PDB file of all heavy atoms in Angstrom:
ATOM      1  N   ILE A   1     -55.805  13.857 -62.358  1.00  0.00           N
ATOM      2  CA  ILE A   1     -55.088  12.737 -61.775  1.00  0.00           C
ATOM      3  C   ILE A   1     -55.781  12.379 -60.456  1.00  0.00           C
ATOM      4  O   ILE A   1     -55.920  13.118 -59.562  1.00  0.00           O
ATOM      5  CB  ILE A   1     -53.612  13.029 -61.603  1.00  0.00           C
ATOM      6  CG1 ILE A   1     -52.946  13.390 -62.882  1.00  0.00           C
ATOM      7  CG2 ILE A   1     -52.957  11.877 -60.878  1.00  0.00           C
ATOM      8  CD1 ILE A   1     -51.517  13.911 -62.724  1.00  0.00           C
ATOM      9  N   ALA A   2     -56.155  11.029 -60.434  1.00  0.00           N
ATOM     10  CA  ALA A   2     -56.724  10.500 -59.145  1.00  0.00           C
ATOM     11  C   ALA A   2     -55.742   9.363 -58.654  1.00  0.00           C
ATOM     12  O   ALA A   2     -55.304   8.511 -59.295  1.00  0.00           O
ATOM     13  CB  ALA A   2     -58.090   9.849 -59.508  1.00  0.00           C
ATOM     14  N   LEU A   3     -55.465   9.576 -57.377  1.00  0.00           N
ATOM     15  CA  LEU A   3     -54.545   8.650 -56.681  1.00  0.00           C
ATOM     16  C   LEU A   3     -55.334   7.590 -55.927  1.00  0.00           C
ATOM     17  O   LEU A   3     -56.213   8.025 -55.112  1.00  0.00           O
ATOM     18  CB  LEU A   3     -53.554   9.385 -55.794  1.00  0.00           C
ATOM     19  CG  LEU A   3     -52.738  10.550 -56.431  1.00  0.00           C
ATOM     20  CD1 LEU A   3     -51.871  11.240 -55.430  1.00  0.00           C
ATOM     21  CD2 LEU A   3     -51.816   9.918 -57.524  1.00  0.00           C
ATOM     22  N   PRO A   4     -54.903   6.298 -55.937  1.00  0.00           N
ATOM     23  CA  PRO A   4     -55.575   5.334 -55.120  1.00  0.00           C
ATOM     24  C   PRO A   4     -55.251   5.432 -53.669  1.00  0.00           C
ATOM     25  O   PRO A   4     -53.976   5.269 -53.294  1.00  0.00           O
ATOM     26  CB  PRO A   4     -55.147   3.993 -55.754  1.00  0.00           C
ATOM     27  CG  PRO A   4     -53.840   4.281 -56.338  1.00  0.00           C
ATOM     28  CD  PRO A   4     -53.892   5.764 -56.812  1.00  0.00           C
ATOM     29  N   LEU A   5     -56.173   5.639 -52.791  1.00  0.00           N
ATOM     30  CA  LEU A   5     -55.854   5.828 -51.301  1.00  0.00           C
ATOM     31  C   LEU A   5     -56.206   4.516 -50.649  1.00  0.00           C
ATOM     32  O   LEU A   5     -57.078   3.774 -51.088  1.00  0.00           O
ATOM     33  CB  LEU A   5     -56.737   6.956 -50.771  1.00  0.00           C
ATOM     34  CG  LEU A   5     -56.409   8.346 -51.348  1.00  0.00           C
ATOM     35  CD1 LEU A   5     -57.345   9.385 -50.711  1.00  0.00           C
ATOM     36  CD2 LEU A   5     -54.974   8.730 -51.193  1.00  0.00           C
ATOM     37  N   PRO A   6     -55.492   4.208 -49.539  1.00  0.00           N
ATOM     38  CA  PRO A   6     -54.442   4.922 -48.961  1.00  0.00           C
ATOM     39  C   PRO A   6     -53.059   4.602 -49.589  1.00  0.00           C
ATOM     40  O   PRO A   6     -52.917   3.588 -50.258  1.00  0.00           O
ATOM     41  CB  PRO A   6     -54.449   4.456 -47.505  1.00  0.00           C
ATOM     42  CG  PRO A   6     -54.864   3.048 -47.538  1.00  0.00           C
ATOM     43  CD  PRO A   6     -55.891   3.001 -48.705  1.00  0.00           C
ATOM     44  N   LEU A   7     -52.087   5.487 -49.461  1.00  0.00           N
ATOM     45  CA  LEU A   7     -50.748   5.257 -50.003  1.00  0.00           C
ATOM     46  C   LEU A   7     -49.664   5.735 -48.998  1.00  0.00           C
ATOM     47  O   LEU A   7     -50.013   6.564 -48.149  1.00  0.00           O
ATOM     48  CB  LEU A   7     -50.657   5.913 -51.370  1.00  0.00           C
ATOM     49  CG  LEU A   7     -51.087   7.396 -51.446  1.00  0.00           C
ATOM     50  CD1 LEU A   7     -49.938   8.313 -51.042  1.00  0.00           C
ATOM     51  CD2 LEU A   7     -51.506   7.701 -52.889  1.00  0.00           C
ATOM     52  N   SER A   8     -48.520   5.234 -49.103  1.00  0.00           N
ATOM     53  CA  SER A   8     -47.491   5.576 -48.194  1.00  0.00           C
ATOM     54  C   SER A   8     -46.334   6.469 -48.820  1.00  0.00           C
ATOM     55  O   SER A   8     -45.634   7.073 -48.108  1.00  0.00           O
ATOM     56  CB  SER A   8     -46.809   4.355 -47.598  1.00  0.00           C
ATOM     57  OG  SER A   8     -46.310   3.523 -48.657  1.00  0.00           O
ATOM     58  N   LYS A   9     -46.324   6.571 -50.182  1.00  0.00           N
ATOM     59  CA  LYS A   9     -45.246   7.369 -50.773  1.00  0.00           C
ATOM     60  C   LYS A   9     -45.684   7.833 -52.217  1.00  0.00           C
ATOM     61  O   LYS A   9     -46.418   7.017 -52.897  1.00  0.00           O
ATOM     62  CB  LYS A   9     -43.947   6.567 -50.875  1.00  0.00           C
ATOM     63  CG  LYS A   9     -42.814   7.425 -51.578  1.00  0.00           C
ATOM     64  CD  LYS A   9     -41.511   6.743 -51.562  1.00  0.00           C
ATOM     65  CE  LYS A   9     -40.435   7.450 -52.292  1.00  0.00           C
ATOM     66  NZ  LYS A   9     -40.174   8.791 -51.696  1.00  0.00           N
ATOM     67  N   ILE A  10     -45.376   8.991 -52.573  1.00  0.00           N
ATOM     68  CA  ILE A  10     -45.572   9.530 -53.877  1.00  0.00           C
ATOM     69  C   ILE A  10     -44.279   9.963 -54.424  1.00  0.00           C
ATOM     70  O   ILE A  10     -43.493  10.686 -53.785  1.00  0.00           O
ATOM     71  CB  ILE A  10     -46.553  10.693 -53.813  1.00  0.00           C
ATOM     72  CG1 ILE A  10     -47.932  10.320 -53.264  1.00  0.00           C
ATOM     73  CG2 ILE A  10     -46.757  11.293 -55.245  1.00  0.00           C
ATOM     74  CD1 ILE A  10     -48.909  11.476 -53.160  1.00  0.00           C
ATOM     75  N   ASP A  11     -43.985   9.637 -55.693  1.00  0.00           N
ATOM     76  CA  ASP A  11     -42.756   9.957 -56.349  1.00  0.00           C
ATOM     77  C   ASP A  11     -43.110  10.626 -57.674  1.00  0.00           C
ATOM     78  O   ASP A  11     -43.830  10.074 -58.454  1.00  0.00           O
ATOM     79  CB  ASP A  11     -41.827   8.754 -56.559  1.00  0.00           C
ATOM     80  CG  ASP A  11     -40.577   9.137 -57.222  1.00  0.00           C
ATOM     81  OD1 ASP A  11     -39.649   9.712 -56.560  1.00  0.00           O
ATOM     82  OD2 ASP A  11     -40.420   8.868 -58.457  1.00  0.00           O
ATOM     83  N   ILE A  12     -42.525  11.796 -57.910  1.00  0.00           N
ATOM     84  CA  ILE A  12     -42.676  12.489 -59.139  1.00  0.00           C
ATOM     85  C   ILE A  12     -41.333  12.605 -59.844  1.00  0.00           C
ATOM     86  O   ILE A  12     -40.452  13.323 -59.344  1.00  0.00           O
ATOM     87  CB  ILE A  12     -43.334  13.843 -58.998  1.00  0.00           C
ATOM     88  CG1 ILE A  12     -44.659  13.739 -58.280  1.00  0.00           C
ATOM     89  CG2 ILE A  12     -43.545  14.540 -60.349  1.00  0.00           C
ATOM     90  CD1 ILE A  12     -45.342  15.074 -58.002  1.00  0.00           C
ATOM     91  N   ALA A  13     -41.149  11.928 -60.967  1.00  0.00           N
ATOM     92  CA  ALA A  13     -39.880  12.019 -61.766  1.00  0.00           C
ATOM     93  C   ALA A  13     -39.730  13.335 -62.430  1.00  0.00           C
ATOM     94  O   ALA A  13     -40.699  14.076 -62.543  1.00  0.00           O
ATOM     95  CB  ALA A  13     -39.798  10.812 -62.684  1.00  0.00           C
ATOM     96  N   ASN A  14     -38.513  13.598 -62.900  1.00  0.00           N
ATOM     97  CA  ASN A  14     -38.272  14.900 -63.584  1.00  0.00           C
ATOM     98  C   ASN A  14     -38.975  15.051 -64.913  1.00  0.00           C
ATOM     99  O   ASN A  14     -39.046  16.100 -65.410  1.00  0.00           O
ATOM    100  CB  ASN A  14     -36.813  15.117 -63.745  1.00  0.00           C
ATOM    101  CG  ASN A  14     -36.114  14.159 -64.662  1.00  0.00           C
ATOM    102  OD1 ASN A  14     -36.778  13.199 -65.115  1.00  0.00           O
ATOM    103  ND2 ASN A  14     -34.841  14.352 -64.923  1.00  0.00           N
ATOM    104  N   ASP A  15     -39.512  13.932 -65.462  1.00  0.00           N
ATOM    105  CA  ASP A  15     -40.333  14.049 -66.730  1.00  0.00           C
ATOM    106  C   ASP A  15     -41.830  14.100 -66.379  1.00  0.00           C
ATOM    107  O   ASP A  15     -42.603  14.098 -67.309  1.00  0.00           O
ATOM    108  CB  ASP A  15     -39.995  12.926 -67.630  1.00  0.00           C
ATOM    109  CG  ASP A  15     -40.426  11.523 -67.094  1.00  0.00           C
ATOM    110  OD1 ASP A  15     -40.732  11.514 -65.884  1.00  0.00           O
ATOM    111  OD2 ASP A  15     -40.449  10.527 -67.846  1.00  0.00           O
ATOM    112  N   GLY A  16     -42.163  14.209 -65.050  1.00  0.00           N
ATOM    113  CA  GLY A  16     -43.576  14.251 -64.698  1.00  0.00           C
ATOM    114  C   GLY A  16     -44.232  12.950 -64.432  1.00  0.00           C
ATOM    115  O   GLY A  16     -45.364  12.923 -64.035  1.00  0.00           O
ATOM    116  N   THR A  17     -43.471  11.851 -64.597  1.00  0.00           N
ATOM    117  CA  THR A  17     -44.071  10.514 -64.326  1.00  0.00           C
ATOM    118  C   THR A  17     -44.509  10.425 -62.813  1.00  0.00           C
ATOM    119  O   THR A  17     -43.560  10.705 -61.952  1.00  0.00           O
ATOM    120  CB  THR A  17     -43.130   9.385 -64.727  1.00  0.00           C
ATOM    121  OG1 THR A  17     -42.865   9.493 -66.112  1.00  0.00           O
ATOM    122  CG2 THR A  17     -43.728   8.052 -64.423  1.00  0.00           C
ATOM    123  N   LEU A  18     -45.666  10.004 -62.537  1.00  0.00           N
ATOM    124  CA  LEU A  18     -46.159   9.944 -61.123  1.00  0.00           C
ATOM    125  C   LEU A  18     -46.260   8.485 -60.690  1.00  0.00           C
ATOM    126  O   LEU A  18     -46.955   7.642 -61.331  1.00  0.00           O
ATOM    127  CB  LEU A  18     -47.458  10.615 -61.019  1.00  0.00           C
ATOM    128  CG  LEU A  18     -48.088  10.797 -59.668  1.00  0.00           C
ATOM    129  CD1 LEU A  18     -47.294  11.747 -58.816  1.00  0.00           C
ATOM    130  CD2 LEU A  18     -49.553  11.326 -59.789  1.00  0.00           C
ATOM    131  N   SER A  19     -45.570   8.105 -59.601  1.00  0.00           N
ATOM    132  CA  SER A  19     -45.522   6.756 -59.100  1.00  0.00           C
ATOM    133  C   SER A  19     -45.902   6.767 -57.615  1.00  0.00           C
ATOM    134  O   SER A  19     -45.622   7.775 -56.944  1.00  0.00           O
ATOM    135  CB  SER A  19     -44.155   6.084 -59.298  1.00  0.00           C
ATOM    136  OG  SER A  19     -43.756   6.090 -60.646  1.00  0.00           O
ATOM    137  N   ILE A  20     -46.498   5.691 -57.183  1.00  0.00           N
ATOM    138  CA  ILE A  20     -46.948   5.697 -55.791  1.00  0.00           C
ATOM    139  C   ILE A  20     -46.609   4.313 -55.151  1.00  0.00           C
ATOM    140  O   ILE A  20     -46.349   3.317 -55.918  1.00  0.00           O
ATOM    141  CB  ILE A  20     -48.466   5.904 -55.655  1.00  0.00           C
ATOM    142  CG1 ILE A  20     -49.252   4.661 -56.296  1.00  0.00           C
ATOM    143  CG2 ILE A  20     -48.905   7.234 -56.212  1.00  0.00           C
ATOM    144  CD1 ILE A  20     -50.674   4.629 -55.794  1.00  0.00           C
ATOM    145  N   ARG A  21     -46.571   4.329 -53.802  1.00  0.00           N
ATOM    146  CA  ARG A  21     -46.350   3.055 -53.057  1.00  0.00           C
ATOM    147  C   ARG A  21     -47.628   2.879 -52.226  1.00  0.00           C
ATOM    148  O   ARG A  21     -47.863   3.648 -51.383  1.00  0.00           O
ATOM    149  CB  ARG A  21     -45.181   3.036 -52.190  1.00  0.00           C
ATOM    150  CG  ARG A  21     -45.009   1.698 -51.438  1.00  0.00           C
ATOM    151  CD  ARG A  21     -43.862   1.772 -50.416  1.00  0.00           C
ATOM    152  NE  ARG A  21     -42.633   2.117 -51.074  1.00  0.00           N
ATOM    153  CZ  ARG A  21     -41.707   2.989 -50.658  1.00  0.00           C
ATOM    154  NH1 ARG A  21     -42.004   3.655 -49.567  1.00  0.00           N
ATOM    155  NH2 ARG A  21     -40.588   3.169 -51.325  1.00  0.00           N
ATOM    156  N   PRO A  22     -48.497   1.891 -52.536  1.00  0.00           N
ATOM    157  CA  PRO A  22     -49.689   1.669 -51.740  1.00  0.00           C
ATOM    158  C   PRO A  22     -49.264   1.372 -50.305  1.00  0.00           C
ATOM    159  O   PRO A  22     -48.254   0.796 -50.010  1.00  0.00           O
ATOM    160  CB  PRO A  22     -50.340   0.452 -52.383  1.00  0.00           C
ATOM    161  CG  PRO A  22     -49.770   0.398 -53.726  1.00  0.00           C
ATOM    162  CD  PRO A  22     -48.379   0.906 -53.738  1.00  0.00           C
ATOM    163  N   GLN A  23     -50.147   1.730 -49.412  1.00  0.00           N
ATOM    164  CA  GLN A  23     -49.893   1.534 -47.934  1.00  0.00           C
ATOM    165  C   GLN A  23     -49.818  -0.003 -47.741  1.00  0.00           C
ATOM    166  O   GLN A  23     -50.636  -0.774 -48.161  1.00  0.00           O
ATOM    167  CB  GLN A  23     -51.019   2.125 -47.196  1.00  0.00           C
ATOM    168  CG  GLN A  23     -50.771   2.122 -45.724  1.00  0.00           C
ATOM    169  CD  GLN A  23     -51.845   2.867 -44.867  1.00  0.00           C
ATOM    170  OE1 GLN A  23     -52.848   3.221 -45.417  1.00  0.00           O
ATOM    171  NE2 GLN A  23     -51.581   3.161 -43.632  1.00  0.00           N
ATOM    172  N   GLY A  24     -48.688  -0.337 -47.007  1.00  0.00           N
ATOM    173  CA  GLY A  24     -48.415  -1.725 -46.690  1.00  0.00           C
ATOM    174  C   GLY A  24     -47.666  -2.478 -47.663  1.00  0.00           C
ATOM    175  O   GLY A  24     -47.219  -3.596 -47.440  1.00  0.00           O
ATOM    176  N   ALA A  25     -47.373  -1.858 -48.817  1.00  0.00           N
ATOM    177  CA  ALA A  25     -46.515  -2.458 -49.870  1.00  0.00           C
ATOM    178  C   ALA A  25     -45.062  -2.459 -49.445  1.00  0.00           C
ATOM    179  O   ALA A  25     -44.616  -1.607 -48.669  1.00  0.00           O
ATOM    180  CB  ALA A  25     -46.697  -1.847 -51.229  1.00  0.00           C
ATOM    181  N   PRO A  26     -44.245  -3.377 -49.972  1.00  0.00           N
ATOM    182  CA  PRO A  26     -42.727  -3.386 -49.787  1.00  0.00           C
ATOM    183  C   PRO A  26     -42.142  -2.055 -50.112  1.00  0.00           C
ATOM    184  O   PRO A  26     -42.582  -1.334 -51.007  1.00  0.00           O
ATOM    185  CB  PRO A  26     -42.212  -4.549 -50.549  1.00  0.00           C
ATOM    186  CG  PRO A  26     -43.417  -5.428 -50.666  1.00  0.00           C
ATOM    187  CD  PRO A  26     -44.639  -4.544 -50.844  1.00  0.00           C
ATOM    188  N   VAL A  27     -40.981  -1.690 -49.540  1.00  0.00           N
ATOM    189  CA  VAL A  27     -40.356  -0.415 -49.791  1.00  0.00           C
ATOM    190  C   VAL A  27     -39.872  -0.325 -51.204  1.00  0.00           C
ATOM    191  O   VAL A  27     -39.921   0.787 -51.804  1.00  0.00           O
ATOM    192  CB  VAL A  27     -39.096  -0.357 -48.820  1.00  0.00           C
ATOM    193  CG1 VAL A  27     -38.271   0.994 -49.133  1.00  0.00           C
ATOM    194  CG2 VAL A  27     -39.482  -0.414 -47.302  1.00  0.00           C
ATOM    195  N   GLU A  28     -39.623  -1.397 -51.824  1.00  0.00           N
ATOM    196  CA  GLU A  28     -39.007  -1.367 -53.202  1.00  0.00           C
ATOM    197  C   GLU A  28     -40.149  -1.164 -54.286  1.00  0.00           C
ATOM    198  O   GLU A  28     -39.898  -1.010 -55.438  1.00  0.00           O
ATOM    199  CB  GLU A  28     -38.166  -2.587 -53.505  1.00  0.00           C
ATOM    200  CG  GLU A  28     -38.883  -3.913 -53.549  1.00  0.00           C
ATOM    201  CD  GLU A  28     -39.050  -4.462 -52.180  1.00  0.00           C
ATOM    202  OE1 GLU A  28     -38.614  -3.851 -51.210  1.00  0.00           O
ATOM    203  OE2 GLU A  28     -39.459  -5.664 -52.090  1.00  0.00           O
ATOM    204  N   VAL A  29     -41.354  -1.310 -53.816  1.00  0.00           N
ATOM    205  CA  VAL A  29     -42.479  -1.245 -54.843  1.00  0.00           C
ATOM    206  C   VAL A  29     -42.834   0.202 -55.118  1.00  0.00           C
ATOM    207  O   VAL A  29     -43.115   0.952 -54.197  1.00  0.00           O
ATOM    208  CB  VAL A  29     -43.764  -2.051 -54.229  1.00  0.00           C
ATOM    209  CG1 VAL A  29     -44.913  -1.844 -55.104  1.00  0.00           C
ATOM    210  CG2 VAL A  29     -43.349  -3.481 -54.080  1.00  0.00           C
ATOM    211  N   LEU A  30     -42.998   0.542 -56.363  1.00  0.00           N
ATOM    212  CA  LEU A  30     -43.406   1.808 -56.908  1.00  0.00           C
ATOM    213  C   LEU A  30     -44.240   1.555 -58.106  1.00  0.00           C
ATOM    214  O   LEU A  30     -43.749   0.995 -59.067  1.00  0.00           O
ATOM    215  CB  LEU A  30     -42.311   2.860 -57.178  1.00  0.00           C
ATOM    216  CG  LEU A  30     -41.695   3.657 -56.051  1.00  0.00           C
ATOM    217  CD1 LEU A  30     -40.593   4.478 -56.520  1.00  0.00           C
ATOM    218  CD2 LEU A  30     -42.803   4.514 -55.296  1.00  0.00           C
ATOM    219  N   GLU A  31     -45.500   1.972 -58.087  1.00  0.00           N
ATOM    220  CA  GLU A  31     -46.375   1.696 -59.218  1.00  0.00           C
ATOM    221  C   GLU A  31     -46.587   3.011 -59.987  1.00  0.00           C
ATOM    222  O   GLU A  31     -47.116   4.063 -59.408  1.00  0.00           O
ATOM    223  CB  GLU A  31     -47.741   1.149 -58.758  1.00  0.00           C
ATOM    224  CG  GLU A  31     -47.676  -0.167 -57.970  1.00  0.00           C
ATOM    225  CD  GLU A  31     -49.012  -0.670 -57.509  1.00  0.00           C
ATOM    226  OE1 GLU A  31     -50.062   0.044 -57.807  1.00  0.00           O
ATOM    227  OE2 GLU A  31     -49.058  -1.691 -56.884  1.00  0.00           O
ATOM    228  N   GLU A  32     -46.331   3.054 -61.289  1.00  0.00           N
ATOM    229  CA  GLU A  32     -46.530   4.150 -62.124  1.00  0.00           C
ATOM    230  C   GLU A  32     -48.030   4.225 -62.440  1.00  0.00           C
ATOM    231  O   GLU A  32     -48.608   3.269 -62.970  1.00  0.00           O
ATOM    232  CB  GLU A  32     -45.683   4.019 -63.396  1.00  0.00           C
ATOM    233  CG  GLU A  32     -45.862   5.236 -64.334  1.00  0.00           C
ATOM    234  CD  GLU A  32     -44.923   5.036 -65.643  1.00  0.00           C
ATOM    235  OE1 GLU A  32     -43.813   4.591 -65.492  1.00  0.00           O
ATOM    236  OE2 GLU A  32     -45.435   5.475 -66.641  1.00  0.00           O
ATOM    237  N   ILE A  33     -48.590   5.447 -62.230  1.00  0.00           N
ATOM    238  CA  ILE A  33     -50.043   5.533 -62.450  1.00  0.00           C
ATOM    239  C   ILE A  33     -50.438   6.601 -63.458  1.00  0.00           C
ATOM    240  O   ILE A  33     -51.487   6.472 -64.080  1.00  0.00           O
ATOM    241  CB  ILE A  33     -50.821   5.802 -61.090  1.00  0.00           C
ATOM    242  CG1 ILE A  33     -50.336   7.124 -60.535  1.00  0.00           C
ATOM    243  CG2 ILE A  33     -50.642   4.647 -60.179  1.00  0.00           C
ATOM    244  CD1 ILE A  33     -51.222   7.597 -59.365  1.00  0.00           C
ATOM    245  N   ASP A  34     -49.559   7.540 -63.632  1.00  0.00           N
ATOM    246  CA  ASP A  34     -49.915   8.704 -64.595  1.00  0.00           C
ATOM    247  C   ASP A  34     -48.689   9.490 -64.798  1.00  0.00           C
ATOM    248  O   ASP A  34     -47.673   9.316 -64.229  1.00  0.00           O
ATOM    249  CB  ASP A  34     -51.098   9.505 -64.003  1.00  0.00           C
ATOM    250  CG  ASP A  34     -51.928  10.117 -65.147  1.00  0.00           C
ATOM    251  OD1 ASP A  34     -51.394  10.326 -66.280  1.00  0.00           O
ATOM    252  OD2 ASP A  34     -53.075  10.413 -64.973  1.00  0.00           O
ATOM    253  N   ARG A  35     -48.863  10.541 -65.610  1.00  0.00           N
ATOM    254  CA  ARG A  35     -47.788  11.495 -65.840  1.00  0.00           C
ATOM    255  C   ARG A  35     -48.326  12.950 -66.003  1.00  0.00           C
ATOM    256  O   ARG A  35     -49.409  13.108 -66.588  1.00  0.00           O
ATOM    257  CB  ARG A  35     -47.038  11.180 -67.133  1.00  0.00           C
ATOM    258  CG  ARG A  35     -45.691  11.985 -67.299  1.00  0.00           C
ATOM    259  CD  ARG A  35     -44.899  11.358 -68.500  1.00  0.00           C
ATOM    260  NE  ARG A  35     -45.425  11.891 -69.687  1.00  0.00           N
ATOM    261  CZ  ARG A  35     -44.952  13.061 -70.224  1.00  0.00           C
ATOM    262  NH1 ARG A  35     -44.065  13.788 -69.682  1.00  0.00           N
ATOM    263  NH2 ARG A  35     -45.491  13.515 -71.307  1.00  0.00           N
ATOM    264  N   LEU A  36     -47.802  13.878 -65.267  1.00  0.00           N
ATOM    265  CA  LEU A  36     -48.305  15.234 -65.306  1.00  0.00           C
ATOM    266  C   LEU A  36     -48.114  15.774 -66.773  1.00  0.00           C
ATOM    267  O   LEU A  36     -47.188  15.494 -67.439  1.00  0.00           O
ATOM    268  CB  LEU A  36     -47.387  16.150 -64.391  1.00  0.00           C
ATOM    269  CG  LEU A  36     -47.269  15.747 -62.936  1.00  0.00           C
ATOM    270  CD1 LEU A  36     -46.421  16.722 -62.177  1.00  0.00           C
ATOM    271  CD2 LEU A  36     -48.677  15.703 -62.259  1.00  0.00           C
TER     272      LEU A  36
END
């Protein structure tokens, strides 16, 4: 798994779904990029 840098938040759901918030993006923005 490669994460696009820079980022301000990483979220891992209980099913392993990995979402990030790019640096400077609005608080409500979370982009799903992969799953463990």
